[in-house]
Amino acid sequence: MLVAALDTATLTLSCALCEVAGGEVRLVAERTERASPRAGPQGATGGHGARLPGALSDLLDGRAA
């Protein structure tokens, strides 16, 4: 089973994709983006709402580190 984990509680957007099988958890991909504190709650690129779809797409495509 694939599990997507998201954290958007602060200016830092973090997301990860994990595979869970037989009691083992394997990290497939992760991505963290830190917004500038000076950019305000919306960040330099429009906040989490604007950045999250691209971050999730990168995770599923395997482009995230």
PDB file of N, CA and C in Angstrom:
ATOM      1  N   MET A   1       0.841  -1.156   0.000  1.00  0.00           N
ATOM      2  CA  MET A   1       0.000   0.000   0.000  1.00  0.00           C
ATOM      3  C   MET A   1       0.898   1.234   0.000  1.00  0.00           C
ATOM      4  N   LEU A   2       0.534   2.229  -0.791  1.00  0.00           N
ATOM      5  CA  LEU A   2       1.255   3.492  -0.813  1.00  0.00           C
ATOM      6  C   LEU A   2       0.558   4.474   0.120  1.00  0.00           C
ATOM      7  N   VAL A   3       1.350   5.207   0.889  1.00  0.00           N
ATOM      8  CA  VAL A   3       0.829   6.195   1.829  1.00  0.00           C
ATOM      9  C   VAL A   3       1.490   7.534   1.526  1.00  0.00           C
ATOM     10  N   ALA A   4       0.673   8.564   1.346  1.00  0.00           N
ATOM     11  CA  ALA A   4       1.188   9.917   1.154  1.00  0.00           C
ATOM     12  C   ALA A   4       1.053  10.657   2.482  1.00  0.00           C
ATOM     13  N   ALA A   5       2.142  11.244   2.934  1.00  0.00           N
ATOM     14  CA  ALA A   5       2.144  12.014   4.175  1.00  0.00           C
ATOM     15  C   ALA A   5       2.400  13.478   3.835  1.00  0.00           C
ATOM     16  N   LEU A   6       1.581  14.369   4.392  1.00  0.00           N
ATOM     17  CA  LEU A   6       1.672  15.796   4.096  1.00  0.00           C
ATOM     18  C   LEU A   6       1.773  16.589   5.385  1.00  0.00           C
ATOM     19  N   ASP A   7       2.594  17.627   5.391  1.00  0.00           N
ATOM     20  CA  ASP A   7       2.666  18.542   6.518  1.00  0.00           C
ATOM     21  C   ASP A   7       2.678  19.954   5.966  1.00  0.00           C
ATOM     22  N   THR A   8       1.601  20.682   6.236  1.00  0.00           N
ATOM     23  CA  THR A   8       1.474  22.056   5.756  1.00  0.00           C
ATOM     24  C   THR A   8       1.184  23.006   6.919  1.00  0.00           C
ATOM     25  N   ALA A   9       1.580  22.626   8.137  1.00  0.00           N
ATOM     26  CA  ALA A   9       1.233  23.393   9.331  1.00  0.00           C
ATOM     27  C   ALA A   9       2.069  24.661   9.507  1.00  0.00           C
ATOM     28  N   THR A  10       3.211  24.752   8.831  1.00  0.00           N
ATOM     29  CA  THR A  10       4.089  25.911   8.984  1.00  0.00           C
ATOM     30  C   THR A  10       4.440  26.446   7.599  1.00  0.00           C
ATOM     31  N   LEU A  11       5.388  27.349   7.524  1.00  0.00           N
ATOM     32  CA  LEU A  11       5.835  27.855   6.228  1.00  0.00           C
ATOM     33  C   LEU A  11       6.549  26.796   5.409  1.00  0.00           C
ATOM     34  N   THR A  12       6.949  25.691   6.049  1.00  0.00           N
ATOM     35  CA  THR A  12       7.617  24.604   5.348  1.00  0.00           C
ATOM     36  C   THR A  12       6.595  23.589   4.861  1.00  0.00           C
ATOM     37  N   LEU A  13       6.611  23.300   3.587  1.00  0.00           N
ATOM     38  CA  LEU A  13       5.757  22.273   2.990  1.00  0.00           C
ATOM     39  C   LEU A  13       6.573  20.994   2.886  1.00  0.00           C
ATOM     40  N   SER A  14       6.104  19.939   3.519  1.00  0.00           N
ATOM     41  CA  SER A  14       6.788  18.646   3.455  1.00  0.00           C
ATOM     42  C   SER A  14       5.802  17.592   3.004  1.00  0.00           C
ATOM     43  N   CYS A  15       6.253  16.707   2.135  1.00  0.00           N
ATOM     44  CA  CYS A  15       5.415  15.584   1.730  1.00  0.00           C
ATOM     45  C   CYS A  15       6.317  14.393   1.429  1.00  0.00           C
ATOM     46  N   ALA A  16       5.761  13.222   1.645  1.00  0.00           N
ATOM     47  CA  ALA A  16       6.527  11.992   1.428  1.00  0.00           C
ATOM     48  C   ALA A  16       5.599  10.913   0.908  1.00  0.00           C
ATOM     49  N   LEU A  17       6.158   9.996   0.167  1.00  0.00           N
ATOM     50  CA  LEU A  17       5.434   8.835  -0.333  1.00  0.00           C
ATOM     51  C   LEU A  17       6.144   7.610   0.218  1.00  0.00           C
ATOM     52  N   CYS A  18       5.398   6.778   0.945  1.00  0.00           N
ATOM     53  CA  CYS A  18       5.959   5.578   1.568  1.00  0.00           C
ATOM     54  C   CYS A  18       5.209   4.357   1.077  1.00  0.00           C
ATOM     55  N   GLU A  19       5.913   3.250   1.002  1.00  0.00           N
ATOM     56  CA  GLU A  19       5.292   1.975   0.671  1.00  0.00           C
ATOM     57  C   GLU A  19       5.292   1.124   1.939  1.00  0.00           C
ATOM     58  N   VAL A  20       4.105   0.632   2.302  1.00  0.00           N
ATOM     59  CA  VAL A  20       3.954  -0.197   3.494  1.00  0.00           C
ATOM     60  C   VAL A  20       3.588  -1.602   3.036  1.00  0.00           C
ATOM     61  N   ALA A  21       4.401  -2.581   3.439  1.00  0.00           N
ATOM     62  CA  ALA A  21       4.152  -3.979   3.063  1.00  0.00           C
ATOM     63  C   ALA A  21       4.721  -4.894   4.130  1.00  0.00           C
ATOM     64  N   GLY A  22       3.903  -5.794   4.616  1.00  0.00           N
ATOM     65  CA  GLY A  22       4.366  -6.787   5.581  1.00  0.00           C
ATOM     66  C   GLY A  22       4.960  -6.201   6.840  1.00  0.00           C
ATOM     67  N   GLY A  23       4.428  -5.095   7.321  1.00  0.00           N
ATOM     68  CA  GLY A  23       4.940  -4.466   8.527  1.00  0.00           C
ATOM     69  C   GLY A  23       6.178  -3.622   8.311  1.00  0.00           C
ATOM     70  N   GLU A  24       6.688  -3.574   7.100  1.00  0.00           N
ATOM     71  CA  GLU A  24       7.862  -2.765   6.766  1.00  0.00           C
ATOM     72  C   GLU A  24       7.410  -1.483   6.066  1.00  0.00           C
ATOM     73  N   VAL A  25       8.114  -0.406   6.337  1.00  0.00           N
ATOM     74  CA  VAL A  25       7.833   0.882   5.692  1.00  0.00           C
ATOM     75  C   VAL A  25       9.085   1.303   4.939  1.00  0.00           C
ATOM     76  N   ARG A  26       8.898   1.622   3.654  1.00  0.00           N
ATOM     77  CA  ARG A  26      10.026   2.054   2.813  1.00  0.00           C
ATOM     78  C   ARG A  26       9.705   3.427   2.244  1.00  0.00           C
ATOM     79  N   LEU A  27      10.613   4.372   2.432  1.00  0.00           N
ATOM     80  CA  LEU A  27      10.452   5.706   1.874  1.00  0.00           C
ATOM     81  C   LEU A  27      10.699   5.638   0.373  1.00  0.00           C
ATOM     82  N   VAL A  28       9.721   6.045  -0.406  1.00  0.00           N
ATOM     83  CA  VAL A  28       9.835   6.030  -1.864  1.00  0.00           C
ATOM     84  C   VAL A  28      10.375   7.366  -2.363  1.00  0.00           C
ATOM     85  N   ALA A  29       9.816   8.467  -1.853  1.00  0.00           N
ATOM     86  CA  ALA A  29      10.249   9.802  -2.269  1.00  0.00           C
ATOM     87  C   ALA A  29       9.826  10.805  -1.205  1.00  0.00           C
ATOM     88  N   GLU A  30      10.545  11.903  -1.131  1.00  0.00           N
ATOM     89  CA  GLU A  30      10.181  12.967  -0.200  1.00  0.00           C
ATOM     90  C   GLU A  30      10.508  14.318  -0.812  1.00  0.00           C
ATOM     91  N   ARG A  31       9.828  15.332  -0.318  1.00  0.00           N
ATOM     92  CA  ARG A  31      10.072  16.683  -0.819  1.00  0.00           C
ATOM     93  C   ARG A  31       9.788  17.676   0.296  1.00  0.00           C
ATOM     94  N   THR A  32      10.666  18.650   0.451  1.00  0.00           N
ATOM     95  CA  THR A  32      10.485  19.711   1.434  1.00  0.00           C
ATOM     96  C   THR A  32      10.802  21.039   0.760  1.00  0.00           C
ATOM     97  N   GLU A  33       9.887  21.993   0.926  1.00  0.00           N
ATOM     98  CA  GLU A  33      10.086  23.335   0.382  1.00  0.00           C
ATOM     99  C   GLU A  33       9.907  24.327   1.513  1.00  0.00           C
ATOM    100  N   ARG A  34      10.897  25.165   1.716  1.00  0.00           N
ATOM    101  CA  ARG A  34      10.806  26.169   2.767  1.00  0.00           C
ATOM    102  C   ARG A  34      10.538  27.536   2.143  1.00  0.00           C
ATOM    103  N   ALA A  35       9.464  28.167   2.583  1.00  0.00           N
ATOM    104  CA  ALA A  35       9.147  29.511   2.121  1.00  0.00           C
ATOM    105  C   ALA A  35       9.953  30.516   2.932  1.00  0.00           C
ATOM    106  N   SER A  36      10.266  31.619   2.348  1.00  0.00           N
ATOM    107  CA  SER A  36      10.974  32.676   3.054  1.00  0.00           C
ATOM    108  C   SER A  36      10.074  33.255   4.141  1.00  0.00           C
ATOM    109  N   PRO A  37      10.577  33.428   5.365  1.00  0.00           N
ATOM    110  CA  PRO A  37       9.761  34.011   6.427  1.00  0.00           C
ATOM    111  C   PRO A  37       9.286  35.413   6.080  1.00  0.00           C
ATOM    112  N   ARG A  38      10.048  36.117   5.284  1.00  0.00           N
ATOM    113  CA  ARG A  38       9.659  37.472   4.885  1.00  0.00           C
ATOM    114  C   ARG A  38       8.522  37.479   3.876  1.00  0.00           C
ATOM    115  N   ALA A  39       8.281  36.358   3.240  1.00  0.00           N
ATOM    116  CA  ALA A  39       7.246  36.304   2.208  1.00  0.00           C
ATOM    117  C   ALA A  39       5.856  36.262   2.813  1.00  0.00           C
ATOM    118  N   GLY A  40       5.744  36.066   4.131  1.00  0.00           N
ATOM    119  CA  GLY A  40       4.443  36.003   4.780  1.00  0.00           C
ATOM    120  C   GLY A  40       3.850  34.623   4.664  1.00  0.00           C
ATOM    121  N   PRO A  41       2.636  34.444   5.172  1.00  0.00           N
ATOM    122  CA  PRO A  41       2.028  33.108   5.209  1.00  0.00           C
ATOM    123  C   PRO A  41       1.793  32.502   3.825  1.00  0.00           C
ATOM    124  N   GLN A  42       1.685  33.315   2.808  1.00  0.00           N
ATOM    125  CA  GLN A  42       1.441  32.791   1.470  1.00  0.00           C
ATOM    126  C   GLN A  42       2.728  32.371   0.774  1.00  0.00           C
ATOM    127  N   GLY A  43       3.875  32.685   1.356  1.00  0.00           N
ATOM    128  CA  GLY A  43       5.145  32.290   0.758  1.00  0.00           C
ATOM    129  C   GLY A  43       5.423  33.043  -0.526  1.00  0.00           C
ATOM    130  N   ALA A  44       6.575  32.792  -1.083  1.00  0.00           N
ATOM    131  CA  ALA A  44       6.995  33.511  -2.285  1.00  0.00           C
ATOM    132  C   ALA A  44       6.241  33.035  -3.520  1.00  0.00           C
ATOM    133  N   THR A  45       5.682  31.826  -3.475  1.00  0.00           N
ATOM    134  CA  THR A  45       5.044  31.274  -4.677  1.00  0.00           C
ATOM    135  C   THR A  45       3.566  30.988  -4.465  1.00  0.00           C
ATOM    136  N   GLY A  46       2.912  31.686  -3.564  1.00  0.00           N
ATOM    137  CA  GLY A  46       1.470  31.549  -3.439  1.00  0.00           C
ATOM    138  C   GLY A  46       0.992  30.613  -2.351  1.00  0.00           C
ATOM    139  N   GLY A  47       1.838  30.205  -1.452  1.00  0.00           N
ATOM    140  CA  GLY A  47       1.407  29.360  -0.349  1.00  0.00           C
ATOM    141  C   GLY A  47       1.321  27.892  -0.711  1.00  0.00           C
ATOM    142  N   HIS A  48       0.956  27.091   0.288  1.00  0.00           N
ATOM    143  CA  HIS A  48       0.902  25.642   0.106  1.00  0.00           C
ATOM    144  C   HIS A  48      -0.123  25.233  -0.950  1.00  0.00           C
ATOM    145  N   GLY A  49      -1.236  25.925  -1.004  1.00  0.00           N
ATOM    146  CA  GLY A  49      -2.267  25.574  -1.975  1.00  0.00           C
ATOM    147  C   GLY A  49      -1.773  25.629  -3.407  1.00  0.00           C
ATOM    148  N   ALA A  50      -0.861  26.545  -3.683  1.00  0.00           N
ATOM    149  CA  ALA A  50      -0.310  26.671  -5.031  1.00  0.00           C
ATOM    150  C   ALA A  50       0.816  25.668  -5.277  1.00  0.00           C
ATOM    151  N   ARG A  51       1.581  25.306  -4.217  1.00  0.00           N
ATOM    152  CA  ARG A  51       2.750  24.445  -4.394  1.00  0.00           C
ATOM    153  C   ARG A  51       2.466  22.961  -4.203  1.00  0.00           C
ATOM    154  N   LEU A  52       1.427  22.623  -3.442  1.00  0.00           N
ATOM    155  CA  LEU A  52       1.167  21.226  -3.107  1.00  0.00           C
ATOM    156  C   LEU A  52       0.871  20.338  -4.316  1.00  0.00           C
ATOM    157  N   PRO A  53       0.036  20.738  -5.269  1.00  0.00           N
ATOM    158  CA  PRO A  53      -0.209  19.846  -6.413  1.00  0.00           C
ATOM    159  C   PRO A  53       1.060  19.464  -7.176  1.00  0.00           C
ATOM    160  N   GLY A  54       1.953  20.415  -7.395  1.00  0.00           N
ATOM    161  CA  GLY A  54       3.207  20.123  -8.087  1.00  0.00           C
ATOM    162  C   GLY A  54       4.107  19.220  -7.274  1.00  0.00           C
ATOM    163  N   ALA A  55       4.149  19.435  -5.953  1.00  0.00           N
ATOM    164  CA  ALA A  55       4.977  18.600  -5.084  1.00  0.00           C
ATOM    165  C   ALA A  55       4.470  17.156  -5.095  1.00  0.00           C
ATOM    166  N   LEU A  56       3.163  16.972  -5.018  1.00  0.00           N
ATOM    167  CA  LEU A  56       2.601  15.623  -5.053  1.00  0.00           C
ATOM    168  C   LEU A  56       2.816  14.959  -6.405  1.00  0.00           C
ATOM    169  N   SER A  57       2.678  15.714  -7.457  1.00  0.00           N
ATOM    170  CA  SER A  57       2.914  15.170  -8.800  1.00  0.00           C
ATOM    171  C   SER A  57       4.359  14.705  -8.935  1.00  0.00           C
ATOM    172  N   ASP A  58       5.309  15.497  -8.420  1.00  0.00           N
ATOM    173  CA  ASP A  58       6.719  15.103  -8.459  1.00  0.00           C
ATOM    174  C   ASP A  58       6.959  13.822  -7.667  1.00  0.00           C
ATOM    175  N   LEU A  59       6.306  13.688  -6.505  1.00  0.00           N
ATOM    176  CA  LEU A  59       6.442  12.462  -5.719  1.00  0.00           C
ATOM    177  C   LEU A  59       5.975  11.243  -6.506  1.00  0.00           C
ATOM    178  N   LEU A  60       4.822  11.367  -7.110  1.00  0.00           N
ATOM    179  CA  LEU A  60       4.262  10.226  -7.848  1.00  0.00           C
ATOM    180  C   LEU A  60       5.040   9.907  -9.108  1.00  0.00           C
ATOM    181  N   ASP A  61       5.659  10.911  -9.706  1.00  0.00           N
ATOM    182  CA  ASP A  61       6.475  10.699 -10.901  1.00  0.00           C
ATOM    183  C   ASP A  61       7.897  10.246 -10.566  1.00  0.00           C
ATOM    184  N   GLY A  62       8.246  10.261  -9.271  1.00  0.00           N
ATOM    185  CA  GLY A  62       9.577   9.850  -8.853  1.00  0.00           C
ATOM    186  C   GLY A  62      10.641  10.889  -9.066  1.00  0.00           C
ATOM    187  N   ARG A  63      10.234  12.174  -9.207  1.00  0.00           N
ATOM    188  CA  ARG A  63      11.206  13.242  -9.438  1.00  0.00           C
ATOM    189  C   ARG A  63      11.681  13.895  -8.156  1.00  0.00           C
ATOM    190  N   ALA A  64      11.051  13.581  -7.027  1.00  0.00           N
ATOM    191  CA  ALA A  64      11.464  14.192  -5.757  1.00  0.00           C
ATOM    192  C   ALA A  64      12.623  13.392  -5.171  1.00  0.00           C
ATOM    193  N   ALA A  65      13.442  14.075  -4.407  1.00  0.00           N
ATOM    194  CA  ALA A  65      14.592  13.415  -3.773  1.00  0.00           C
ATOM    195  C   ALA A  65      14.224  12.909  -2.398  1.00  0.00           C
TER     196      ALA A  65
END
